[in-house]
PDB file of N, CA and C in Angstrom:
ATOM      1  N   MET A   1       0.859  -1.184   0.000  1.00  0.00           N
ATOM      2  CA  MET A   1       0.000   0.000   0.000  1.00  0.00           C
ATOM      3  C   MET A   1       0.897   1.235   0.000  1.00  0.00           C
ATOM      4  N   GLU A   2       0.586   2.164  -0.882  1.00  0.00           N
ATOM      5  CA  GLU A   2       1.359   3.403  -0.938  1.00  0.00           C
ATOM      6  C   GLU A   2       0.896   4.362   0.156  1.00  0.00           C
ATOM      7  N   ARG A   3       1.809   5.206   0.584  1.00  0.00           N
ATOM      8  CA  ARG A   3       1.526   6.183   1.636  1.00  0.00           C
ATOM      9  C   ARG A   3       1.727   7.586   1.074  1.00  0.00           C
ATOM     10  N   TYR A   4       1.029   8.532   1.666  1.00  0.00           N
ATOM     11  CA  TYR A   4       1.102   9.918   1.211  1.00  0.00           C
ATOM     12  C   TYR A   4       1.163  10.813   2.438  1.00  0.00           C
ATOM     13  N   ALA A   5       2.041  11.788   2.424  1.00  0.00           N
ATOM     14  CA  ALA A   5       2.139  12.744   3.521  1.00  0.00           C
ATOM     15  C   ALA A   5       2.273  14.146   2.945  1.00  0.00           C
ATOM     16  N   TRP A   6       1.719  15.116   3.661  1.00  0.00           N
ATOM     17  CA  TRP A   6       1.742  16.505   3.206  1.00  0.00           C
ATOM     18  C   TRP A   6       1.816  17.446   4.413  1.00  0.00           C
ATOM     19  N   THR A   7       2.164  18.695   4.161  1.00  0.00           N
ATOM     20  CA  THR A   7       2.142  19.717   5.210  1.00  0.00           C
ATOM     21  C   THR A   7       1.409  20.951   4.688  1.00  0.00           C
ATOM     22  N   ALA A   8       0.922  21.739   5.624  1.00  0.00           N
ATOM     23  CA  ALA A   8       0.273  23.013   5.317  1.00  0.00           C
ATOM     24  C   ALA A   8       0.331  23.862   6.586  1.00  0.00           C
ATOM     25  N   LYS A   9      -0.141  25.070   6.501  1.00  0.00           N
ATOM     26  CA  LYS A   9      -0.148  25.990   7.642  1.00  0.00           C
ATOM     27  C   LYS A   9      -1.566  26.476   7.907  1.00  0.00           C
ATOM     28  N   ILE A  10      -1.901  26.551   9.180  1.00  0.00           N
ATOM     29  CA  ILE A  10      -3.151  27.211   9.579  1.00  0.00           C
ATOM     30  C   ILE A  10      -2.841  28.696   9.711  1.00  0.00           C
ATOM     31  N   LEU A  11      -3.724  29.529   9.209  1.00  0.00           N
ATOM     32  CA  LEU A  11      -3.530  30.976   9.315  1.00  0.00           C
ATOM     33  C   LEU A  11      -3.659  31.415  10.772  1.00  0.00           C
ATOM     34  N   PRO A  12      -2.944  32.463  11.170  1.00  0.00           N
ATOM     35  CA  PRO A  12      -2.981  32.917  12.562  1.00  0.00           C
ATOM     36  C   PRO A  12      -4.410  33.149  13.050  1.00  0.00           C
ATOM     37  N   GLY A  13      -4.694  32.617  14.237  1.00  0.00           N
ATOM     38  CA  GLY A  13      -6.002  32.796  14.859  1.00  0.00           C
ATOM     39  C   GLY A  13      -7.103  31.908  14.299  1.00  0.00           C
ATOM     40  N   LYS A  14      -6.792  30.998  13.395  1.00  0.00           N
ATOM     41  CA  LYS A  14      -7.817  30.177  12.731  1.00  0.00           C
ATOM     42  C   LYS A  14      -7.805  28.709  13.175  1.00  0.00           C
ATOM     43  N   GLN A  15      -7.014  28.376  14.194  1.00  0.00           N
ATOM     44  CA  GLN A  15      -6.883  26.992  14.619  1.00  0.00           C
ATOM     45  C   GLN A  15      -8.216  26.368  15.046  1.00  0.00           C
ATOM     46  N   GLU A  16      -8.953  27.057  15.889  1.00  0.00           N
ATOM     47  CA  GLU A  16     -10.243  26.520  16.354  1.00  0.00           C
ATOM     48  C   GLU A  16     -11.207  26.313  15.197  1.00  0.00           C
ATOM     49  N   GLU A  17     -11.231  27.238  14.260  1.00  0.00           N
ATOM     50  CA  GLU A  17     -12.127  27.112  13.108  1.00  0.00           C
ATOM     51  C   GLU A  17     -11.715  25.945  12.219  1.00  0.00           C
ATOM     52  N   TYR A  18     -10.420  25.770  12.024  1.00  0.00           N
ATOM     53  CA  TYR A  18      -9.926  24.637  11.236  1.00  0.00           C
ATOM     54  C   TYR A  18     -10.398  23.319  11.864  1.00  0.00           C
ATOM     55  N   ILE A  19     -10.229  23.198  13.155  1.00  0.00           N
ATOM     56  CA  ILE A  19     -10.634  21.974  13.864  1.00  0.00           C
ATOM     57  C   ILE A  19     -12.146  21.788  13.786  1.00  0.00           C
ATOM     58  N   ARG A  20     -12.907  22.867  13.988  1.00  0.00           N
ATOM     59  CA  ARG A  20     -14.370  22.776  13.919  1.00  0.00           C
ATOM     60  C   ARG A  20     -14.818  22.252  12.557  1.00  0.00           C
ATOM     61  N   ARG A  21     -14.242  22.776  11.498  1.00  0.00           N
ATOM     62  CA  ARG A  21     -14.643  22.351  10.157  1.00  0.00           C
ATOM     63  C   ARG A  21     -14.331  20.875   9.925  1.00  0.00           C
ATOM     64  N   HIS A  22     -13.229  20.404  10.458  1.00  0.00           N
ATOM     65  CA  HIS A  22     -12.916  18.978  10.299  1.00  0.00           C
ATOM     66  C   HIS A  22     -13.797  18.101  11.188  1.00  0.00           C
ATOM     67  N   ASN A  23     -14.230  18.631  12.305  1.00  0.00           N
ATOM     68  CA  ASN A  23     -15.179  17.885  13.141  1.00  0.00           C
ATOM     69  C   ASN A  23     -16.537  17.749  12.454  1.00  0.00           C
ATOM     70  N   GLU A  24     -16.790  18.628  11.489  1.00  0.00           N
ATOM     71  CA  GLU A  24     -18.048  18.618  10.740  1.00  0.00           C
ATOM     72  C   GLU A  24     -17.804  18.309   9.263  1.00  0.00           C
ATOM     73  N   ILE A  25     -16.808  17.473   8.990  1.00  0.00           N
ATOM     74  CA  ILE A  25     -16.426  17.174   7.608  1.00  0.00           C
ATOM     75  C   ILE A  25     -17.643  16.682   6.820  1.00  0.00           C
ATOM     76  N   TRP A  26     -17.724  17.090   5.591  1.00  0.00           N
ATOM     77  CA  TRP A  26     -18.865  16.754   4.746  1.00  0.00           C
ATOM     78  C   TRP A  26     -18.899  15.250   4.449  1.00  0.00           C
ATOM     79  N   PRO A  27     -20.036  14.619   4.611  1.00  0.00           N
ATOM     80  CA  PRO A  27     -20.149  13.185   4.305  1.00  0.00           C
ATOM     81  C   PRO A  27     -19.786  12.862   2.857  1.00  0.00           C
ATOM     82  N   GLU A  28     -20.111  13.756   1.927  1.00  0.00           N
ATOM     83  CA  GLU A  28     -19.781  13.495   0.526  1.00  0.00           C
ATOM     84  C   GLU A  28     -18.270  13.542   0.279  1.00  0.00           C
ATOM     85  N   LEU A  29     -17.545  14.325   1.078  1.00  0.00           N
ATOM     86  CA  LEU A  29     -16.089  14.347   0.967  1.00  0.00           C
ATOM     87  C   LEU A  29     -15.497  13.050   1.516  1.00  0.00           C
ATOM     88  N   VAL A  30     -16.015  12.604   2.649  1.00  0.00           N
ATOM     89  CA  VAL A  30     -15.566  11.328   3.219  1.00  0.00           C
ATOM     90  C   VAL A  30     -15.806  10.196   2.221  1.00  0.00           C
ATOM     91  N   ALA A  31     -16.968  10.183   1.605  1.00  0.00           N
ATOM     92  CA  ALA A  31     -17.300   9.138   0.625  1.00  0.00           C
ATOM     93  C   ALA A  31     -16.334   9.183  -0.553  1.00  0.00           C
ATOM     94  N   LEU A  32     -16.021  10.373  -1.037  1.00  0.00           N
ATOM     95  CA  LEU A  32     -15.092  10.507  -2.153  1.00  0.00           C
ATOM     96  C   LEU A  32     -13.705   9.991  -1.784  1.00  0.00           C
ATOM     97  N   LEU A  33     -13.217  10.355  -0.608  1.00  0.00           N
ATOM     98  CA  LEU A  33     -11.897   9.895  -0.176  1.00  0.00           C
ATOM     99  C   LEU A  33     -11.848   8.376  -0.084  1.00  0.00           C
ATOM    100  N   LYS A  34     -12.898   7.796   0.462  1.00  0.00           N
ATOM    101  CA  LYS A  34     -12.946   6.330   0.572  1.00  0.00           C
ATOM    102  C   LYS A  34     -13.012   5.685  -0.809  1.00  0.00           C
ATOM    103  N   GLU A  35     -13.787   6.258  -1.710  1.00  0.00           N
ATOM    104  CA  GLU A  35     -13.878   5.734  -3.070  1.00  0.00           C
ATOM    105  C   GLU A  35     -12.526   5.828  -3.776  1.00  0.00           C
ATOM    106  N   ALA A  36     -11.752   6.856  -3.437  1.00  0.00           N
ATOM    107  CA  ALA A  36     -10.423   7.031  -4.021  1.00  0.00           C
ATOM    108  C   ALA A  36      -9.404   6.058  -3.433  1.00  0.00           C
ATOM    109  N   GLY A  37      -9.837   5.263  -2.449  1.00  0.00           N
ATOM    110  CA  GLY A  37      -8.940   4.288  -1.836  1.00  0.00           C
ATOM    111  C   GLY A  37      -8.122   4.845  -0.691  1.00  0.00           C
ATOM    112  N   ILE A  38      -8.492   6.022  -0.222  1.00  0.00           N
ATOM    113  CA  ILE A  38      -7.755   6.654   0.874  1.00  0.00           C
ATOM    114  C   ILE A  38      -8.277   6.109   2.199  1.00  0.00           C
ATOM    115  N   CYS A  39      -7.339   5.673   3.035  1.00  0.00           N
ATOM    116  CA  CYS A  39      -7.713   5.161   4.356  1.00  0.00           C
ATOM    117  C   CYS A  39      -6.635   5.570   5.356  1.00  0.00           C
ATOM    118  N   ASN A  40      -6.954   5.351   6.608  1.00  0.00           N
ATOM    119  CA  ASN A  40      -6.024   5.673   7.691  1.00  0.00           C
ATOM    120  C   ASN A  40      -5.539   7.121   7.567  1.00  0.00           C
ATOM    121  N   TYR A  41      -6.453   8.029   7.245  1.00  0.00           N
ATOM    122  CA  TYR A  41      -6.130   9.439   7.034  1.00  0.00           C
ATOM    123  C   TYR A  41      -6.101  10.129   8.389  1.00  0.00           C
ATOM    124  N   THR A  42      -4.984  10.741   8.692  1.00  0.00           N
ATOM    125  CA  THR A  42      -4.808  11.436   9.962  1.00  0.00           C
ATOM    126  C   THR A  42      -4.146  12.778   9.687  1.00  0.00           C
ATOM    127  N   ILE A  43      -4.595  13.813  10.393  1.00  0.00           N
ATOM    128  CA  ILE A  43      -3.962  15.119  10.319  1.00  0.00           C
ATOM    129  C   ILE A  43      -3.509  15.485  11.726  1.00  0.00           C
ATOM    130  N   TYR A  44      -2.248  15.877  11.836  1.00  0.00           N
ATOM    131  CA  TYR A  44      -1.669  16.299  13.105  1.00  0.00           C
ATOM    132  C   TYR A  44      -1.420  17.794  13.062  1.00  0.00           C
ATOM    133  N   LEU A  45      -1.346  18.401  14.245  1.00  0.00           N
ATOM    134  CA  LEU A  45      -1.131  19.835  14.362  1.00  0.00           C
ATOM    135  C   LEU A  45      -0.014  20.106  15.358  1.00  0.00           C
ATOM    136  N   SER A  46       0.929  20.964  14.965  1.00  0.00           N
ATOM    137  CA  SER A  46       1.993  21.431  15.849  1.00  0.00           C
ATOM    138  C   SER A  46       2.121  22.929  15.633  1.00  0.00           C
ATOM    139  N   GLY A  47       1.717  23.705  16.631  1.00  0.00           N
ATOM    140  CA  GLY A  47       1.671  25.161  16.441  1.00  0.00           C
ATOM    141  C   GLY A  47       0.675  25.463  15.344  1.00  0.00           C
ATOM    142  N   ASN A  48       1.122  26.088  14.269  1.00  0.00           N
ATOM    143  CA  ASN A  48       0.254  26.354  13.118  1.00  0.00           C
ATOM    144  C   ASN A  48       0.573  25.438  11.940  1.00  0.00           C
ATOM    145  N   THR A  49       1.438  24.457  12.156  1.00  0.00           N
ATOM    146  CA  THR A  49       1.823  23.537  11.089  1.00  0.00           C
ATOM    147  C   THR A  49       0.976  22.278  11.132  1.00  0.00           C
ATOM    148  N   LEU A  50       0.421  21.934   9.984  1.00  0.00           N
ATOM    149  CA  LEU A  50      -0.357  20.708   9.827  1.00  0.00           C
ATOM    150  C   LEU A  50       0.512  19.660   9.153  1.00  0.00           C
ATOM    151  N   PHE A  51       0.340  18.427   9.583  1.00  0.00           N
ATOM    152  CA  PHE A  51       0.988  17.294   8.932  1.00  0.00           C
ATOM    153  C   PHE A  51      -0.097  16.266   8.657  1.00  0.00           C
ATOM    154  N   GLY A  52      -0.327  15.975   7.395  1.00  0.00           N
ATOM    155  CA  GLY A  52      -1.342  14.998   7.012  1.00  0.00           C
ATOM    156  C   GLY A  52      -0.695  13.730   6.490  1.00  0.00           C
ATOM    157  N   TYR A  53      -1.334  12.610   6.789  1.00  0.00           N
ATOM    158  CA  TYR A  53      -0.830  11.302   6.359  1.00  0.00           C
ATOM    159  C   TYR A  53      -2.014  10.423   5.996  1.00  0.00           C
ATOM    160  N   TYR A  54      -1.905   9.714   4.875  1.00  0.00           N
ATOM    161  CA  TYR A  54      -2.899   8.698   4.559  1.00  0.00           C
ATOM    162  C   TYR A  54      -2.280   7.592   3.729  1.00  0.00           C
ATOM    163  N   GLU A  55      -3.002   6.481   3.684  1.00  0.00           N
ATOM    164  CA  GLU A  55      -2.586   5.333   2.899  1.00  0.00           C
ATOM    165  C   GLU A  55      -3.528   5.200   1.717  1.00  0.00           C
ATOM    166  N   CYS A  56      -2.996   4.716   0.615  1.00  0.00           N
ATOM    167  CA  CYS A  56      -3.751   4.652  -0.635  1.00  0.00           C
ATOM    168  C   CYS A  56      -3.894   3.203  -1.083  1.00  0.00           C
ATOM    169  N   GLU A  57      -5.057   2.630  -0.855  1.00  0.00           N
ATOM    170  CA  GLU A  57      -5.306   1.229  -1.234  1.00  0.00           C
ATOM    171  C   GLU A  57      -5.264   1.016  -2.739  1.00  0.00           C
ATOM    172  N   LYS A  58      -5.604   2.058  -3.488  1.00  0.00           N
ATOM    173  CA  LYS A  58      -5.619   1.950  -4.951  1.00  0.00           C
ATOM    174  C   LYS A  58      -4.426   2.652  -5.582  1.00  0.00           C
ATOM    175  N   GLY A  59      -3.478   3.084  -4.756  1.00  0.00           N
ATOM    176  CA  GLY A  59      -2.279   3.764  -5.239  1.00  0.00           C
ATOM    177  C   GLY A  59      -2.405   5.276  -5.176  1.00  0.00           C
ATOM    178  N   VAL A  60      -1.269   5.918  -5.023  1.00  0.00           N
ATOM    179  CA  VAL A  60      -1.215   7.372  -4.920  1.00  0.00           C
ATOM    180  C   VAL A  60      -1.733   8.043  -6.188  1.00  0.00           C
ATOM    181  N   ALA A  61      -1.348   7.530  -7.343  1.00  0.00           N
ATOM    182  CA  ALA A  61      -1.771   8.149  -8.609  1.00  0.00           C
ATOM    183  C   ALA A  61      -3.295   8.141  -8.732  1.00  0.00           C
ATOM    184  N   TYR A  62      -3.918   7.028  -8.371  1.00  0.00           N
ATOM    185  CA  TYR A  62      -5.377   6.938  -8.452  1.00  0.00           C
ATOM    186  C   TYR A  62      -6.025   7.911  -7.467  1.00  0.00           C
ATOM    187  N   ALA A  63      -5.516   7.948  -6.239  1.00  0.00           N
ATOM    188  CA  ALA A  63      -6.076   8.846  -5.220  1.00  0.00           C
ATOM    189  C   ALA A  63      -5.925  10.307  -5.636  1.00  0.00           C
ATOM    190  N   ALA A  64      -4.774  10.651  -6.177  1.00  0.00           N
ATOM    191  CA  ALA A  64      -4.537  12.029  -6.615  1.00  0.00           C
ATOM    192  C   ALA A  64      -5.466  12.409  -7.758  1.00  0.00           C
ATOM    193  N   LYS A  65      -5.628  11.507  -8.719  1.00  0.00           N
ATOM    194  CA  LYS A  65      -6.503  11.768  -9.871  1.00  0.00           C
ATOM    195  C   LYS A  65      -7.955  11.939  -9.424  1.00  0.00           C
ATOM    196  N   ALA A  66      -8.411  11.064  -8.534  1.00  0.00           N
ATOM    197  CA  ALA A  66      -9.794  11.146  -8.040  1.00  0.00           C
ATOM    198  C   ALA A  66     -10.050  12.475  -7.344  1.00  0.00           C
ATOM    199  N   GLN A  67      -9.083  12.912  -6.570  1.00  0.00           N
ATOM    200  CA  GLN A  67      -9.246  14.186  -5.865  1.00  0.00           C
ATOM    201  C   GLN A  67      -9.164  15.377  -6.828  1.00  0.00           C
ATOM    202  N   ALA A  68      -8.204  15.327  -7.747  1.00  0.00           N
ATOM    203  CA  ALA A  68      -8.015  16.437  -8.684  1.00  0.00           C
ATOM    204  C   ALA A  68      -9.229  16.645  -9.587  1.00  0.00           C
ATOM    205  N   GLU A  69      -9.945  15.573  -9.880  1.00  0.00           N
ATOM    206  CA  GLU A  69     -11.099  15.657 -10.779  1.00  0.00           C
ATOM    207  C   GLU A  69     -12.420  15.882 -10.045  1.00  0.00           C
ATOM    208  N   SER A  70     -12.371  16.026  -8.733  1.00  0.00           N
ATOM    209  CA  SER A  70     -13.604  16.105  -7.951  1.00  0.00           C
ATOM    210  C   SER A  70     -14.043  17.537  -7.652  1.00  0.00           C
ATOM    211  N   PRO A  71     -15.268  17.884  -8.022  1.00  0.00           N
ATOM    212  CA  PRO A  71     -15.792  19.196  -7.637  1.00  0.00           C
ATOM    213  C   PRO A  71     -15.988  19.304  -6.122  1.00  0.00           C
ATOM    214  N   ILE A  72     -16.171  18.182  -5.449  1.00  0.00           N
ATOM    215  CA  ILE A  72     -16.314  18.190  -3.981  1.00  0.00           C
ATOM    216  C   ILE A  72     -15.006  18.663  -3.349  1.00  0.00           C
ATOM    217  N   VAL A  73     -13.894  18.136  -3.826  1.00  0.00           N
ATOM    218  CA  VAL A  73     -12.586  18.549  -3.305  1.00  0.00           C
ATOM    219  C   VAL A  73     -12.341  20.018  -3.624  1.00  0.00           C
ATOM    220  N   ASP A  74     -12.722  20.461  -4.811  1.00  0.00           N
ATOM    221  CA  ASP A  74     -12.582  21.880  -5.161  1.00  0.00           C
ATOM    222  C   ASP A  74     -13.369  22.760  -4.192  1.00  0.00           C
ATOM    223  N   ARG A  75     -14.599  22.344  -3.879  1.00  0.00           N
ATOM    224  CA  ARG A  75     -15.422  23.122  -2.936  1.00  0.00           C
ATOM    225  C   ARG A  75     -14.804  23.130  -1.544  1.00  0.00           C
ATOM    226  N   TRP A  76     -14.300  21.966  -1.095  1.00  0.00           N
ATOM    227  CA  TRP A  76     -13.673  21.872   0.231  1.00  0.00           C
ATOM    228  C   TRP A  76     -12.433  22.788   0.293  1.00  0.00           C
ATOM    229  N   ASN A  77     -11.605  22.743  -0.739  1.00  0.00           N
ATOM    230  CA  ASN A  77     -10.411  23.589  -0.755  1.00  0.00           C
ATOM    231  C   ASN A  77     -10.778  25.067  -0.719  1.00  0.00           C
ATOM    232  N   ALA A  78     -11.806  25.453  -1.445  1.00  0.00           N
ATOM    233  CA  ALA A  78     -12.268  26.841  -1.418  1.00  0.00           C
ATOM    234  C   ALA A  78     -12.802  27.202  -0.031  1.00  0.00           C
ATOM    235  N   TYR A  79     -13.528  26.271   0.590  1.00  0.00           N
ATOM    236  CA  TYR A  79     -14.085  26.459   1.932  1.00  0.00           C
ATOM    237  C   TYR A  79     -12.975  26.636   2.972  1.00  0.00           C
ATOM    238  N   MET A  80     -11.864  25.941   2.799  1.00  0.00           N
ATOM    239  CA  MET A  80     -10.783  25.966   3.775  1.00  0.00           C
ATOM    240  C   MET A  80      -9.772  27.087   3.525  1.00  0.00           C
ATOM    241  N   LYS A  81      -9.879  27.760   2.406  1.00  0.00           N
ATOM    242  CA  LYS A  81      -8.893  28.760   2.006  1.00  0.00           C
ATOM    243  C   LYS A  81      -8.745  29.905   3.011  1.00  0.00           C
ATOM    244  N   ASP A  82      -9.808  30.249   3.721  1.00  0.00           N
ATOM    245  CA  ASP A  82      -9.715  31.364   4.661  1.00  0.00           C
ATOM    246  C   ASP A  82      -9.155  30.968   6.026  1.00  0.00           C
ATOM    247  N   VAL A  83      -8.875  29.682   6.239  1.00  0.00           N
ATOM    248  CA  VAL A  83      -8.309  29.251   7.513  1.00  0.00           C
ATOM    249  C   VAL A  83      -6.931  28.610   7.373  1.00  0.00           C
ATOM    250  N   MET A  84      -6.521  28.322   6.141  1.00  0.00           N
ATOM    251  CA  MET A  84      -5.225  27.663   5.977  1.00  0.00           C
ATOM    252  C   MET A  84      -4.525  28.098   4.700  1.00  0.00           C
ATOM    253  N   GLN A  85      -3.221  27.939   4.718  1.00  0.00           N
ATOM    254  CA  GLN A  85      -2.388  28.206   3.542  1.00  0.00           C
ATOM    255  C   GLN A  85      -1.853  26.861   3.081  1.00  0.00           C
ATOM    256  N   MET A  86      -2.172  26.515   1.847  1.00  0.00           N
ATOM    257  CA  MET A  86      -1.766  25.215   1.335  1.00  0.00           C
ATOM    258  C   MET A  86      -1.224  25.388  -0.079  1.00  0.00           C
ATOM    259  N   GLU A  87       0.012  24.990  -0.246  1.00  0.00           N
ATOM    260  CA  GLU A  87       0.609  24.978  -1.577  1.00  0.00           C
ATOM    261  C   GLU A  87       0.043  23.789  -2.334  1.00  0.00           C
ATOM    262  N   MET A  88      -0.234  23.964  -3.600  1.00  0.00           N
ATOM    263  CA  MET A  88      -0.749  22.876  -4.420  1.00  0.00           C
ATOM    264  C   MET A  88       0.252  22.563  -5.526  1.00  0.00           C
ATOM    265  N   ASP A  89       0.429  21.285  -5.785  1.00  0.00           N
ATOM    266  CA  ASP A  89       1.303  20.833  -6.865  1.00  0.00           C
ATOM    267  C   ASP A  89       0.566  21.075  -8.180  1.00  0.00           C
ATOM    268  N   PRO A  90       1.108  21.904  -9.064  1.00  0.00           N
ATOM    269  CA  PRO A  90       0.401  22.201 -10.319  1.00  0.00           C
ATOM    270  C   PRO A  90       0.214  20.968 -11.209  1.00  0.00           C
ATOM    271  N   GLU A  91       1.059  19.972 -11.040  1.00  0.00           N
ATOM    272  CA  GLU A  91       0.965  18.769 -11.861  1.00  0.00           C
ATOM    273  C   GLU A  91      -0.169  17.846 -11.398  1.00  0.00           C
ATOM    274  N   THR A  92      -0.299  17.683 -10.071  1.00  0.00           N
ATOM    275  CA  THR A  92      -1.309  16.742  -9.553  1.00  0.00           C
ATOM    276  C   THR A  92      -2.555  17.440  -9.036  1.00  0.00           C
ATOM    277  N   GLY A  93      -2.464  18.730  -8.718  1.00  0.00           N
ATOM    278  CA  GLY A  93      -3.591  19.441  -8.136  1.00  0.00           C
ATOM    279  C   GLY A  93      -3.778  19.128  -6.666  1.00  0.00           C
ATOM    280  N   ALA A  94      -2.839  18.404  -6.066  1.00  0.00           N
ATOM    281  CA  ALA A  94      -2.912  18.030  -4.650  1.00  0.00           C
ATOM    282  C   ALA A  94      -1.782  18.708  -3.878  1.00  0.00           C
ATOM    283  N   GLN A  95      -1.809  18.542  -2.566  1.00  0.00           N
ATOM    284  CA  GLN A  95      -0.707  19.039  -1.757  1.00  0.00           C
ATOM    285  C   GLN A  95       0.569  18.331  -2.200  1.00  0.00           C
ATOM    286  N   PRO A  96       1.690  19.056  -2.252  1.00  0.00           N
ATOM    287  CA  PRO A  96       2.933  18.392  -2.634  1.00  0.00           C
ATOM    288  C   PRO A  96       3.255  17.245  -1.670  1.00  0.00           C
ATOM    289  N   ARG A  97       3.585  16.133  -2.242  1.00  0.00           N
ATOM    290  CA  ARG A  97       3.883  14.928  -1.467  1.00  0.00           C
ATOM    291  C   ARG A  97       5.254  15.048  -0.811  1.00  0.00           C
ATOM    292  N   LEU A  98       5.316  14.738   0.472  1.00  0.00           N
ATOM    293  CA  LEU A  98       6.591  14.726   1.175  1.00  0.00           C
ATOM    294  C   LEU A  98       7.380  13.489   0.777  1.00  0.00           C
ATOM    295  N   THR A  99       8.672  13.602   0.823  1.00  0.00           N
ATOM    296  CA  THR A  99       9.546  12.484   0.492  1.00  0.00           C
ATOM    297  C   THR A  99       9.775  11.634   1.731  1.00  0.00           C
ATOM    298  N   GLU A 100       9.496  10.350   1.614  1.00  0.00           N
ATOM    299  CA  GLU A 100       9.727   9.439   2.731  1.00  0.00           C
ATOM    300  C   GLU A 100      11.229   9.170   2.852  1.00  0.00           C
ATOM    301  N   VAL A 101      11.771   9.346   4.069  1.00  0.00           N
ATOM    302  CA  VAL A 101      13.188   9.104   4.281  1.00  0.00           C
ATOM    303  C   VAL A 101      13.456   7.972   5.262  1.00  0.00           C
ATOM    304  N   PHE A 102      12.438   7.548   6.012  1.00  0.00           N
ATOM    305  CA  PHE A 102      12.618   6.453   6.951  1.00  0.00           C
ATOM    306  C   PHE A 102      11.269   5.823   7.238  1.00  0.00           C
ATOM    307  N   ARG A 103      11.276   4.490   7.366  1.00  0.00           N
ATOM    308  CA  ARG A 103      10.056   3.771   7.766  1.00  0.00           C
ATOM    309  C   ARG A 103      10.488   2.544   8.551  1.00  0.00           C
ATOM    310  N   LEU A 104       9.852   2.331   9.675  1.00  0.00           N
ATOM    311  CA  LEU A 104      10.084   1.143  10.475  1.00  0.00           C
ATOM    312  C   LEU A 104       8.859   0.267  10.355  1.00  0.00           C
ATOM    313  N   ASP A 105       8.998  -0.881   9.731  1.00  0.00           N
ATOM    314  CA  ASP A 105       7.877  -1.811   9.593  1.00  0.00           C
ATOM    315  C   ASP A 105       7.952  -2.866  10.674  1.00  0.00           C
TER     316      ASP A 105
END
């Protein structure tokens, strides 16, 4: 199973709102992520830095394509734009993937 990790920043003073929105995540977004083969999705927070991690049952390329082509993801990204700063990879339309340097299995 392929893994994917990303980082982003919460805008100053927007931490509570970011958390609230994720506590109320849209069911249609959850369904899309699951359909894309994304599982074990976790987002961590340190100060204003976010670290996201998920596993891709259908592969990273499939998960990225499903998200890039989804109007639901576009709406979610627009909805989150006022609480976070997220660089997007122009090639995939997703958060730039972090390079894995160590894994203990």
